Amino acid sequence: MTKAQFVELVQKNGNFSSKAEAQKAVKAFTDSVTEALVAKESVSLVGFGTFTVVEVAPKSGKVPGTNKTYTKPAHIAPKFKMGKTLKDAVLQAK
């Protein structure tokens, strides 16, 4: 699903009168989650899931087929853990 298709879905489900309003709502949500994660805070939406930031340890490895090695430094990364309601809805859609 593209962003434009998602905005149309939000417009339909949120009863927004225009796509512009739905797009503002989507942008407000994504900007707010981003701002919270940058501040290293988690965002929990009961039933939907939790957005968090995790610290990833440094990693080294070998490039397959060569003798080259690489090292990936430690960093922080966003993470999403699905809530039970969302998980159940996805499982029932099979």
N, C-alpha and C. Protein backbone atom coordinates (compact mmCIF):
# COMPACT_ATOMS: atom_id res chain seq x y z
N MET A 1 0.85 -1.18 0.00
CA MET A 1 0.00 0.00 0.00
C MET A 1 0.89 1.24 0.00
N THR A 2 0.61 2.15 -0.89
CA THR A 2 1.37 3.39 -0.95
C THR A 2 0.85 4.37 0.08
N LYS A 3 1.61 5.44 0.27
CA LYS A 3 1.18 6.47 1.23
C LYS A 3 -0.15 7.09 0.78
N ALA A 4 -0.30 7.33 -0.51
CA ALA A 4 -1.53 7.92 -1.03
C ALA A 4 -2.73 7.01 -0.77
N GLN A 5 -2.54 5.71 -0.97
CA GLN A 5 -3.61 4.76 -0.70
C GLN A 5 -3.93 4.71 0.79
N PHE A 6 -2.89 4.80 1.62
CA PHE A 6 -3.10 4.80 3.07
C PHE A 6 -3.87 6.04 3.50
N VAL A 7 -3.54 7.20 2.92
CA VAL A 7 -4.25 8.44 3.25
C VAL A 7 -5.73 8.30 2.88
N GLU A 8 -6.02 7.68 1.73
CA GLU A 8 -7.42 7.47 1.34
C GLU A 8 -8.13 6.56 2.34
N LEU A 9 -7.44 5.53 2.83
CA LEU A 9 -8.01 4.62 3.82
C LEU A 9 -8.29 5.36 5.13
N VAL A 10 -7.35 6.21 5.54
CA VAL A 10 -7.54 7.01 6.76
C VAL A 10 -8.72 7.96 6.57
N GLN A 11 -8.83 8.55 5.38
CA GLN A 11 -9.95 9.46 5.11
C GLN A 11 -11.28 8.71 5.25
N LYS A 12 -11.34 7.51 4.69
CA LYS A 12 -12.58 6.71 4.76
C LYS A 12 -12.89 6.29 6.19
N ASN A 13 -11.90 5.73 6.90
CA ASN A 13 -12.14 5.21 8.25
C ASN A 13 -12.29 6.31 9.30
N GLY A 14 -11.68 7.47 9.06
CA GLY A 14 -11.75 8.56 10.01
C GLY A 14 -12.82 9.58 9.69
N ASN A 15 -13.58 9.34 8.63
CA ASN A 15 -14.64 10.27 8.19
C ASN A 15 -14.12 11.68 8.00
N PHE A 16 -12.92 11.81 7.43
CA PHE A 16 -12.39 13.13 7.11
C PHE A 16 -13.06 13.64 5.85
N SER A 17 -13.32 14.94 5.79
CA SER A 17 -14.03 15.49 4.63
C SER A 17 -13.14 15.62 3.40
N SER A 18 -11.81 15.63 3.59
CA SER A 18 -10.92 15.73 2.44
C SER A 18 -9.66 14.91 2.65
N LYS A 19 -8.99 14.63 1.55
CA LYS A 19 -7.73 13.91 1.63
C LYS A 19 -6.68 14.75 2.35
N ALA A 20 -6.75 16.06 2.19
CA ALA A 20 -5.79 16.96 2.83
C ALA A 20 -5.87 16.84 4.35
N GLU A 21 -7.08 16.75 4.88
CA GLU A 21 -7.24 16.59 6.33
C GLU A 21 -6.69 15.25 6.80
N ALA A 22 -6.98 14.20 6.03
CA ALA A 22 -6.47 12.86 6.38
C ALA A 22 -4.95 12.84 6.31
N GLN A 23 -4.39 13.51 5.30
CA GLN A 23 -2.93 13.56 5.17
C GLN A 23 -2.31 14.31 6.35
N LYS A 24 -2.96 15.39 6.82
CA LYS A 24 -2.48 16.12 7.99
C LYS A 24 -2.49 15.23 9.22
N ALA A 25 -3.52 14.39 9.35
CA ALA A 25 -3.62 13.48 10.50
C ALA A 25 -2.51 12.43 10.46
N VAL A 26 -2.26 11.87 9.28
CA VAL A 26 -1.19 10.88 9.13
C VAL A 26 0.16 11.52 9.43
N LYS A 27 0.39 12.72 8.90
CA LYS A 27 1.66 13.42 9.14
C LYS A 27 1.83 13.76 10.62
N ALA A 28 0.76 14.19 11.27
CA ALA A 28 0.83 14.51 12.70
C ALA A 28 1.19 13.27 13.51
N PHE A 29 0.60 12.13 13.15
CA PHE A 29 0.90 10.88 13.86
C PHE A 29 2.35 10.48 13.67
N THR A 30 2.81 10.43 12.42
CA THR A 30 4.19 10.00 12.16
C THR A 30 5.21 10.97 12.75
N ASP A 31 4.94 12.27 12.67
CA ASP A 31 5.85 13.26 13.26
C ASP A 31 5.91 13.11 14.78
N SER A 32 4.77 12.85 15.39
CA SER A 32 4.72 12.71 16.85
C SER A 32 5.46 11.45 17.32
N VAL A 33 5.27 10.35 16.62
CA VAL A 33 5.98 9.12 16.98
C VAL A 33 7.48 9.33 16.79
N THR A 34 7.86 9.96 15.68
CA THR A 34 9.28 10.24 15.42
C THR A 34 9.88 11.10 16.52
N GLU A 35 9.19 12.16 16.91
CA GLU A 35 9.67 13.06 17.96
C GLU A 35 9.86 12.32 19.29
N ALA A 36 8.91 11.45 19.63
CA ALA A 36 9.02 10.68 20.86
C ALA A 36 10.21 9.72 20.81
N LEU A 37 10.40 9.04 19.69
CA LEU A 37 11.51 8.09 19.56
C LEU A 37 12.86 8.80 19.57
N VAL A 38 12.94 9.97 18.96
CA VAL A 38 14.19 10.74 18.98
C VAL A 38 14.53 11.12 20.42
N ALA A 39 13.51 11.37 21.23
CA ALA A 39 13.71 11.69 22.65
C ALA A 39 13.90 10.42 23.49
N LYS A 40 14.00 9.28 22.82
CA LYS A 40 14.19 7.96 23.46
C LYS A 40 13.04 7.60 24.40
N GLU A 41 11.84 8.02 24.03
CA GLU A 41 10.63 7.66 24.77
C GLU A 41 9.87 6.61 23.97
N SER A 42 9.10 5.77 24.64
CA SER A 42 8.30 4.79 23.93
C SER A 42 6.88 5.32 23.76
N VAL A 43 6.19 4.81 22.73
CA VAL A 43 4.81 5.18 22.47
C VAL A 43 3.98 3.90 22.49
N SER A 44 3.09 3.77 23.47
CA SER A 44 2.25 2.56 23.59
C SER A 44 0.82 2.89 23.22
N LEU A 45 0.30 2.15 22.25
CA LEU A 45 -1.09 2.28 21.84
C LEU A 45 -1.75 0.95 22.18
N VAL A 46 -2.52 0.92 23.26
CA VAL A 46 -3.09 -0.31 23.78
C VAL A 46 -3.87 -1.04 22.68
N GLY A 47 -3.55 -2.31 22.51
CA GLY A 47 -4.20 -3.14 21.50
C GLY A 47 -3.52 -3.08 20.15
N PHE A 48 -2.86 -1.98 19.84
CA PHE A 48 -2.18 -1.83 18.55
C PHE A 48 -0.73 -2.25 18.63
N GLY A 49 0.02 -1.63 19.56
CA GLY A 49 1.41 -2.00 19.71
C GLY A 49 2.22 -0.90 20.39
N THR A 50 3.54 -1.15 20.47
CA THR A 50 4.44 -0.22 21.14
C THR A 50 5.63 0.09 20.25
N PHE A 51 5.89 1.38 20.07
CA PHE A 51 7.07 1.86 19.36
C PHE A 51 8.13 2.17 20.41
N THR A 52 9.33 1.63 20.26
CA THR A 52 10.42 1.89 21.20
C THR A 52 11.72 2.10 20.44
N VAL A 53 12.75 2.49 21.19
CA VAL A 53 14.10 2.62 20.65
C VAL A 53 14.96 1.61 21.40
N VAL A 54 15.75 0.83 20.67
CA VAL A 54 16.63 -0.16 21.29
C VAL A 54 18.08 0.12 20.90
N GLU A 55 18.99 -0.25 21.80
CA GLU A 55 20.41 -0.14 21.50
C GLU A 55 20.86 -1.45 20.86
N VAL A 56 21.53 -1.34 19.72
CA VAL A 56 22.01 -2.50 18.99
C VAL A 56 23.52 -2.59 19.20
N ALA A 57 23.99 -3.76 19.60
CA ALA A 57 25.42 -3.97 19.88
C ALA A 57 26.23 -3.93 18.58
N PRO A 58 27.53 -3.65 18.68
CA PRO A 58 28.35 -3.68 17.48
C PRO A 58 28.39 -5.09 16.90
N LYS A 59 28.59 -5.17 15.58
CA LYS A 59 28.56 -6.46 14.92
C LYS A 59 29.67 -6.52 13.88
N SER A 60 30.33 -7.65 13.81
CA SER A 60 31.31 -7.85 12.75
C SER A 60 30.98 -9.14 12.04
N GLY A 61 31.39 -9.22 10.79
CA GLY A 61 31.07 -10.41 10.01
C GLY A 61 31.96 -10.50 8.79
N LYS A 62 31.69 -11.50 7.98
CA LYS A 62 32.47 -11.76 6.78
C LYS A 62 31.55 -11.68 5.58
N VAL A 63 32.02 -11.04 4.50
CA VAL A 63 31.25 -10.95 3.27
C VAL A 63 31.31 -12.32 2.59
N PRO A 64 30.17 -12.93 2.31
CA PRO A 64 30.17 -14.26 1.70
C PRO A 64 30.92 -14.29 0.36
N GLY A 65 31.72 -15.33 0.16
CA GLY A 65 32.44 -15.49 -1.09
C GLY A 65 33.75 -14.74 -1.18
N THR A 66 34.08 -13.97 -0.14
CA THR A 66 35.34 -13.22 -0.13
C THR A 66 35.99 -13.36 1.24
N ASN A 67 37.17 -12.83 1.36
CA ASN A 67 37.84 -12.82 2.66
C ASN A 67 37.66 -11.47 3.36
N LYS A 68 36.83 -10.60 2.79
CA LYS A 68 36.60 -9.28 3.37
C LYS A 68 35.73 -9.40 4.62
N THR A 69 36.07 -8.58 5.61
CA THR A 69 35.27 -8.51 6.82
C THR A 69 34.72 -7.10 6.97
N TYR A 70 33.70 -6.98 7.77
CA TYR A 70 33.12 -5.67 8.03
C TYR A 70 32.80 -5.55 9.51
N THR A 71 32.70 -4.31 9.95
CA THR A 71 32.31 -4.03 11.33
C THR A 71 31.21 -2.98 11.30
N LYS A 72 30.10 -3.30 11.94
CA LYS A 72 28.99 -2.35 12.04
C LYS A 72 29.00 -1.84 13.48
N PRO A 73 29.15 -0.53 13.67
CA PRO A 73 29.24 0.02 15.03
C PRO A 73 27.90 -0.09 15.78
N ALA A 74 27.99 0.06 17.08
CA ALA A 74 26.79 0.08 17.91
C ALA A 74 25.93 1.28 17.51
N HIS A 75 24.64 1.12 17.57
CA HIS A 75 23.73 2.21 17.20
C HIS A 75 22.37 1.98 17.88
N ILE A 76 21.51 2.98 17.75
CA ILE A 76 20.15 2.82 18.25
C ILE A 76 19.22 2.65 17.05
N ALA A 77 18.16 1.90 17.24
CA ALA A 77 17.23 1.63 16.14
C ALA A 77 15.80 1.63 16.67
N PRO A 78 14.86 2.07 15.82
CA PRO A 78 13.46 2.01 16.23
C PRO A 78 12.97 0.56 16.16
N LYS A 79 11.99 0.24 17.01
CA LYS A 79 11.44 -1.10 17.06
C LYS A 79 9.93 -1.00 17.30
N PHE A 80 9.18 -1.92 16.71
CA PHE A 80 7.73 -1.96 16.92
C PHE A 80 7.35 -3.35 17.39
N LYS A 81 6.61 -3.42 18.50
CA LYS A 81 6.10 -4.70 18.98
C LYS A 81 4.58 -4.66 18.87
N MET A 82 4.05 -5.61 18.12
CA MET A 82 2.63 -5.68 17.85
C MET A 82 1.84 -6.00 19.11
N GLY A 83 0.69 -5.34 19.27
CA GLY A 83 -0.20 -5.62 20.39
C GLY A 83 -1.09 -6.82 20.10
N LYS A 84 -1.70 -7.37 21.13
CA LYS A 84 -2.51 -8.58 21.00
C LYS A 84 -3.69 -8.40 20.04
N THR A 85 -4.39 -7.29 20.12
CA THR A 85 -5.55 -7.06 19.26
C THR A 85 -5.14 -7.05 17.79
N LEU A 86 -4.05 -6.36 17.47
CA LEU A 86 -3.55 -6.30 16.10
C LEU A 86 -3.07 -7.67 15.65
N LYS A 87 -2.34 -8.36 16.52
CA LYS A 87 -1.83 -9.70 16.20
C LYS A 87 -2.97 -10.66 15.88
N ASP A 88 -4.01 -10.65 16.72
CA ASP A 88 -5.15 -11.52 16.51
C ASP A 88 -5.87 -11.19 15.21
N ALA A 89 -6.03 -9.90 14.89
CA ALA A 89 -6.71 -9.49 13.66
C ALA A 89 -5.94 -9.97 12.43
N VAL A 90 -4.61 -9.87 12.47
CA VAL A 90 -3.79 -10.31 11.34
C VAL A 90 -3.86 -11.83 11.19
N LEU A 91 -3.83 -12.55 12.31
CA LEU A 91 -3.90 -14.02 12.26
C LEU A 91 -5.25 -14.50 11.72
N GLN A 92 -6.31 -13.80 12.04
CA GLN A 92 -7.65 -14.20 11.58
C GLN A 92 -7.84 -13.90 10.10
N ALA A 93 -7.04 -13.04 9.53
CA ALA A 93 -7.17 -12.65 8.12
C ALA A 93 -6.63 -13.69 7.16
N LYS A 94 -5.99 -14.74 7.67
CA LYS A 94 -5.40 -15.77 6.80
C LYS A 94 -6.41 -16.42 5.92
